[in-house]
Structures are given as structure tokens and as C-alpha cells.
Amino acid sequence: MLACVDVDYREESTVAACVLFRDWAEPAEASHLVERGPPAAPYEPGQFYRRELPFLLRVLGTVREPLEAVVIDGCVWLAEEKPGLGAHLFEALGRGIPVIGVAKTRFHSSESAVPVLRGQSQRPLFVTAVGVDPADAAECVRRMHGPSRIPTLLNRVDRLCRDS
């Protein structure tokens, strides 16, 4: 099973969502999970992962099927040896599940991000990965369903967070 995850912050709570799917080209989810929790800690510059990671782990902890990979909205690596949210998630998951980061903008020092053009968009997504070759991860993201820049299931998990 594959998973896309995202988190939405609100004044009174935090919502984490997970969309599960079986194949990179799937047009629809197999299922989804939503977890609500307390408000997130305040943002600390350079420590974004501390704010989001607990909620991602909480929702992923409810998944019953073995996971082949987790896709996040964000970066795995911020720079060559500087871990981002995805690298911290990989460690927290015991280094056994590849994590693929899909960012809408290139982090200023992330040379390792692989640009991926999708649909008719001239603006690439920037893919980083751990536990899987970045070029292979980029190809998986390119193959994800959807006619536009953002894959269908990444949009779906974003909407689940915002609408739940």
C-alpha cells in the first residue's frame, strides 16, 4: 500500500490525513484516515519537522496494511546533509519505509531535488527522497494520476485535512 499524508493547522486543533492507494497511477484512493489532535506547537525556524512529525506519526499509526512508501507535501532533504521533514519521518518509521517529498518550490539549498513536469504545467514539482533512489521517486510522482501539476491524490489528502 502507498500513502499520501498531510497536516492542517487550526487555532483549536490539528488535523492529519492519510490517503491510501495501491498503484502510483491510481485515480482514486483505496481508503483514507483522518486524525484530529491538539493545536500544534508554535513554528520554530529550522525545526518545522517538530511541529508536523507527531501528527504524521499519529495518522500513520492507524494504517493497518504494510506500506511500500509514504509521500509528503514537502521536502525530504533541505540540503545535501540537512534533513527535512521527510528524512525525520523516515527515521521515526524505523528506516524501513521510503519517504518521497513533493514540494511546489525548490528549497533554496536543495540541489538534490529532482524537477518533475506534469500535465501542461511549465512549473515543476521538486522531488526528494530517502530509502529509494530520487530518480525512481521522481518517476513515481510523474506517473501519479491527474492531468495537472499536482497529482490527484496529493490534492485529495490536502482537501481531507482542510475539510475535516
Protein backbone atom coordinates (compact mmCIF):
# COMPACT_ATOMS: atom_id res chain seq x y z
CA MET A 1 0.00 0.00 0.00
CA LEU A 2 1.14 3.56 -0.74
CA ALA A 3 0.22 6.61 1.34
CA CYS A 4 -0.01 10.37 0.86
CA VAL A 5 -0.08 12.35 4.11
CA ASP A 6 -0.64 15.97 5.05
CA VAL A 7 -1.39 18.13 8.10
CA ASP A 8 -3.63 21.18 8.55
CA TYR A 9 -3.19 23.55 11.49
CA ARG A 10 -6.06 25.34 13.17
CA GLU A 11 -6.25 27.51 16.23
CA GLU A 12 -8.17 24.90 18.22
CA SER A 13 -6.82 21.66 16.71
CA THR A 14 -4.58 19.97 14.16
CA VAL A 15 -5.86 17.57 11.51
CA ALA A 16 -3.67 14.91 9.88
CA ALA A 17 -4.91 12.91 6.91
CA CYS A 18 -3.66 9.87 5.06
CA VAL A 19 -4.85 8.70 1.64
CA LEU A 20 -4.04 5.07 0.84
CA PHE A 21 -3.69 3.73 -2.70
CA ARG A 22 -2.33 0.60 -4.37
CA ASP A 23 -0.57 1.84 -7.50
CA TRP A 24 1.14 5.09 -8.48
CA ALA A 25 -1.29 5.66 -11.36
CA GLU A 26 -4.47 5.07 -9.30
CA PRO A 27 -7.12 7.72 -9.95
CA ALA A 28 -8.88 7.19 -6.61
CA GLU A 29 -7.96 6.26 -3.08
CA ALA A 30 -8.42 2.76 -1.67
CA SER A 31 -9.26 4.37 1.69
CA HIS A 32 -8.40 7.31 3.89
CA LEU A 33 -7.79 8.07 7.54
CA VAL A 34 -8.18 11.32 9.45
CA GLU A 35 -6.85 12.04 12.94
CA ARG A 36 -7.60 15.15 14.96
CA GLY A 37 -5.28 16.31 17.69
CA PRO A 38 -4.45 19.28 19.88
CA PRO A 39 -3.09 22.50 18.44
CA ALA A 40 0.43 22.21 17.05
CA ALA A 41 3.43 23.67 18.79
CA PRO A 42 4.46 27.11 17.56
CA TYR A 43 6.67 27.18 14.48
CA GLU A 44 10.40 27.27 15.24
CA PRO A 45 12.66 28.38 12.38
CA GLY A 46 14.68 25.42 11.14
CA GLN A 47 12.60 22.99 13.21
CA PHE A 48 9.43 22.64 11.10
CA TYR A 49 9.52 18.85 11.40
CA ARG A 50 8.96 19.08 15.18
CA ARG A 51 5.63 20.74 14.52
CA GLU A 52 4.31 18.30 11.90
CA LEU A 53 6.01 14.96 12.63
CA PRO A 54 3.92 13.95 15.69
CA PHE A 55 0.70 14.32 13.71
CA LEU A 56 2.01 12.38 10.71
CA LEU A 57 3.10 9.56 13.01
CA ARG A 58 -0.29 9.58 14.70
CA VAL A 59 -2.24 9.14 11.45
CA LEU A 60 0.27 6.65 10.01
CA GLY A 61 -0.03 4.66 13.24
CA THR A 62 -3.64 3.89 12.31
CA VAL A 63 -2.72 2.30 8.95
CA ARG A 64 -3.25 -1.47 9.10
CA GLU A 65 -1.69 -2.50 5.76
CA PRO A 66 2.08 -2.66 5.23
CA LEU A 67 3.32 0.49 3.50
CA GLU A 68 5.60 0.48 0.44
CA ALA A 69 6.19 4.26 0.53
CA VAL A 70 4.89 7.48 2.07
CA VAL A 71 4.51 10.69 0.04
CA ILE A 72 4.62 14.01 1.88
CA ASP A 73 3.84 17.55 0.77
CA GLY A 74 7.28 18.99 1.42
CA CYS A 75 10.97 18.17 1.41
CA VAL A 76 12.85 15.09 2.49
CA TRP A 77 16.16 16.95 2.29
CA LEU A 78 16.70 20.69 2.70
CA ALA A 79 20.33 20.43 1.58
CA GLU A 80 22.84 17.64 0.91
CA GLU A 81 23.19 16.57 4.54
CA LYS A 82 20.42 18.65 6.09
CA PRO A 83 17.31 16.57 6.86
CA GLY A 84 13.86 17.95 6.23
CA LEU A 85 10.51 16.64 7.42
CA GLY A 86 10.70 13.56 5.18
CA ALA A 87 14.12 12.45 6.47
CA HIS A 88 12.91 12.82 10.05
CA LEU A 89 9.78 10.81 9.19
CA PHE A 90 11.94 8.07 7.61
CA GLU A 91 13.97 7.82 10.83
CA ALA A 92 10.86 7.82 13.02
CA LEU A 93 9.40 4.97 10.93
CA GLY A 94 12.48 2.87 11.63
CA ARG A 95 14.16 3.48 8.24
CA GLY A 96 12.02 0.74 6.71
CA ILE A 97 9.55 2.73 4.60
CA PRO A 98 10.78 5.01 1.80
CA VAL A 99 9.61 8.62 2.06
CA ILE A 100 9.12 10.77 -1.02
CA GLY A 101 8.81 14.54 -0.72
CA VAL A 102 6.90 16.56 -3.29
CA ALA A 103 7.46 20.31 -2.99
CA LYS A 104 5.89 23.06 -5.08
CA THR A 105 9.02 25.20 -4.78
CA ARG A 106 12.67 24.26 -4.56
CA PHE A 107 14.13 24.80 -1.12
CA HIS A 108 16.90 27.35 -1.65
CA SER A 109 19.78 24.96 -0.94
CA SER A 110 18.31 21.64 -2.12
CA GLU A 111 20.41 20.79 -5.16
CA SER A 112 19.38 17.13 -4.92
CA ALA A 113 15.70 17.84 -5.70
CA VAL A 114 14.62 16.29 -9.00
CA PRO A 115 12.31 18.58 -11.04
CA VAL A 116 9.19 16.87 -12.40
CA LEU A 117 6.92 18.44 -15.00
CA ARG A 118 3.36 17.15 -15.04
CA GLY A 119 0.42 17.90 -17.29
CA GLN A 120 0.73 21.11 -19.26
CA SER A 121 2.43 22.97 -16.43
CA GLN A 122 5.73 24.67 -17.11
CA ARG A 123 6.40 24.87 -13.35
CA PRO A 124 7.98 21.70 -11.98
CA LEU A 125 7.40 19.92 -8.73
CA PHE A 126 10.60 19.19 -6.79
CA VAL A 127 11.01 15.61 -5.60
CA THR A 128 13.38 14.49 -2.86
CA ALA A 129 13.53 11.02 -1.34
CA VAL A 130 15.08 8.72 1.23
CA GLY A 131 15.00 4.92 1.15
CA VAL A 132 14.53 4.98 -2.63
CA ASP A 133 16.57 6.42 -5.49
CA PRO A 134 15.47 10.04 -6.08
CA ALA A 135 15.19 9.47 -9.84
CA ASP A 136 12.90 6.48 -9.25
CA ALA A 137 10.85 8.52 -6.78
CA ALA A 138 10.53 11.33 -9.34
CA GLU A 139 9.30 8.84 -11.95
CA CYS A 140 6.67 7.56 -9.49
CA VAL A 141 5.44 11.12 -8.90
CA ARG A 142 5.38 11.78 -12.64
CA ARG A 143 3.20 8.66 -13.10
CA MET A 144 0.70 9.64 -10.40
CA HIS A 145 -2.81 10.21 -11.69
CA GLY A 146 -4.02 13.64 -12.69
CA PRO A 147 -3.93 15.98 -15.66
CA SER A 148 -2.39 18.90 -13.77
CA ARG A 149 0.79 19.78 -11.95
CA ILE A 150 -0.40 18.42 -8.59
CA PRO A 151 -1.29 14.70 -8.57
CA THR A 152 -4.92 13.83 -7.83
CA LEU A 153 -4.22 12.01 -4.56
CA LEU A 154 -1.98 14.78 -3.20
CA ASN A 155 -4.84 17.19 -3.82
CA ARG A 156 -7.20 14.71 -2.15
CA VAL A 157 -5.16 14.45 1.07
CA ASP A 158 -4.82 18.25 1.19
CA ARG A 159 -8.61 18.63 0.88
CA LEU A 160 -9.23 15.97 3.54
CA CYS A 161 -7.09 17.93 6.02
CA ARG A 162 -8.74 21.24 5.25
CA ASP A 163 -12.33 19.98 5.09
CA SER A 164 -12.32 17.64 8.10
